[in-house]
Amino acid sequence: MINAHTHKVMTISIFHNMKSYHQTVMGAITSNYMMDDNFATKNSIMSKLRSTFDDVFRENVEEKWDDIKRELNNAIKEMKFYAEYS
């Protein structure tokens, strides 16, 4: 959550940047979540997501990357963005 409500221009800018980045990440995930990892990680966003999983979570969770990769598609589609500026 980002609270930039006192600066309308900033709020609008952050909102649009977040939406744009979300669309970029969603496109990468949607295009690659069912692909073999050798292919999927050729995409820079998927590669970063995999690296983050390996570095931060792999040893602390029982789920495997392939399970996480499939669920990312559902999760990213459920994300919603709201901005209140008046």
Protein backbone atom coordinates (compact mmCIF):
# COMPACT_ATOMS: atom_id res chain seq x y z
CA MET A 1 0.00 0.00 0.00
CA ILE A 2 1.29 3.42 -0.90
CA ASN A 3 -0.10 6.51 0.78
CA ALA A 4 0.67 9.53 -1.34
CA HIS A 5 -2.77 11.08 -0.91
CA THR A 6 -1.50 14.53 -0.10
CA HIS A 7 0.02 14.84 -3.56
CA LYS A 8 -2.60 14.19 -6.23
CA VAL A 9 -0.12 14.26 -9.14
CA MET A 10 2.15 11.82 -7.31
CA THR A 11 -0.77 9.51 -6.50
CA ILE A 12 -1.84 9.41 -10.14
CA SER A 13 1.72 8.82 -11.32
CA ILE A 14 2.35 5.99 -8.86
CA PHE A 15 -0.98 4.38 -9.71
CA HIS A 16 -0.30 4.37 -13.43
CA ASN A 17 3.27 3.13 -12.97
CA MET A 18 2.05 0.29 -10.78
CA LYS A 19 -0.65 -0.67 -13.26
CA SER A 20 1.85 -0.61 -16.11
CA TYR A 21 4.36 -2.76 -14.24
CA HIS A 22 1.57 -5.15 -13.21
CA GLN A 23 0.60 -5.57 -16.87
CA THR A 24 4.23 -6.25 -17.80
CA VAL A 25 4.66 -8.86 -15.07
CA MET A 26 1.28 -10.42 -15.81
CA GLY A 27 2.20 -10.76 -19.48
CA ALA A 28 5.45 -12.50 -18.58
CA ILE A 29 3.75 -14.88 -16.16
CA THR A 30 0.79 -15.64 -18.43
CA SER A 31 3.11 -16.40 -21.33
CA ASN A 32 5.48 -18.60 -19.35
CA TYR A 33 3.83 -20.23 -16.34
CA MET A 34 3.13 -23.49 -18.19
CA MET A 35 6.44 -23.58 -20.02
CA ASP A 36 9.44 -25.69 -19.14
CA ASP A 37 11.70 -23.74 -16.82
CA ASN A 38 14.55 -23.74 -19.33
CA PHE A 39 12.29 -21.76 -21.67
CA ALA A 40 10.39 -19.72 -19.07
CA THR A 41 13.48 -18.32 -17.40
CA LYS A 42 14.70 -16.88 -20.68
CA ASN A 43 12.19 -14.15 -19.86
CA SER A 44 13.92 -11.66 -17.56
CA ILE A 45 10.92 -11.26 -15.23
CA MET A 46 10.48 -15.00 -14.84
CA SER A 47 14.20 -15.34 -14.26
CA LYS A 48 14.05 -12.71 -11.49
CA LEU A 49 11.03 -14.40 -9.91
CA ARG A 50 12.84 -17.75 -9.97
CA SER A 51 16.00 -16.25 -8.50
CA THR A 52 14.00 -14.60 -5.73
CA PHE A 53 12.26 -17.87 -4.94
CA ASP A 54 15.58 -19.73 -4.84
CA ASP A 55 17.34 -17.09 -2.75
CA VAL A 56 14.60 -16.33 -0.25
CA PHE A 57 12.07 -19.15 -0.07
CA ARG A 58 13.34 -22.45 -1.45
CA GLU A 59 14.79 -23.73 1.81
CA ASN A 60 11.91 -22.43 3.94
CA VAL A 61 8.87 -23.82 2.12
CA GLU A 62 7.85 -27.26 0.98
CA GLU A 63 6.41 -26.06 -2.34
CA LYS A 64 8.59 -26.42 -5.39
CA TRP A 65 9.20 -23.69 -7.97
CA ASP A 66 6.97 -25.42 -10.54
CA ASP A 67 4.06 -25.30 -8.08
CA ILE A 68 4.71 -21.64 -7.33
CA LYS A 69 5.09 -20.81 -11.03
CA ARG A 70 1.65 -22.27 -11.82
CA GLU A 71 0.00 -20.40 -8.94
CA LEU A 72 1.57 -17.09 -9.95
CA ASN A 73 -0.78 -16.94 -12.92
CA ASN A 74 -3.85 -17.10 -10.66
CA ALA A 75 -2.39 -14.72 -8.10
CA ILE A 76 -1.39 -11.97 -10.53
CA LYS A 77 -4.80 -11.98 -12.18
CA GLU A 78 -6.47 -11.43 -8.80
CA MET A 79 -4.45 -8.32 -7.94
CA LYS A 80 -6.46 -5.12 -7.88
CA PHE A 81 -5.27 -1.53 -7.81
CA TYR A 82 -7.19 1.37 -6.41
CA ALA A 83 -6.32 5.02 -6.19
CA GLU A 84 -8.30 7.70 -4.49
CA TYR A 85 -7.57 11.20 -5.55
CA SER A 86 -9.98 14.07 -5.56
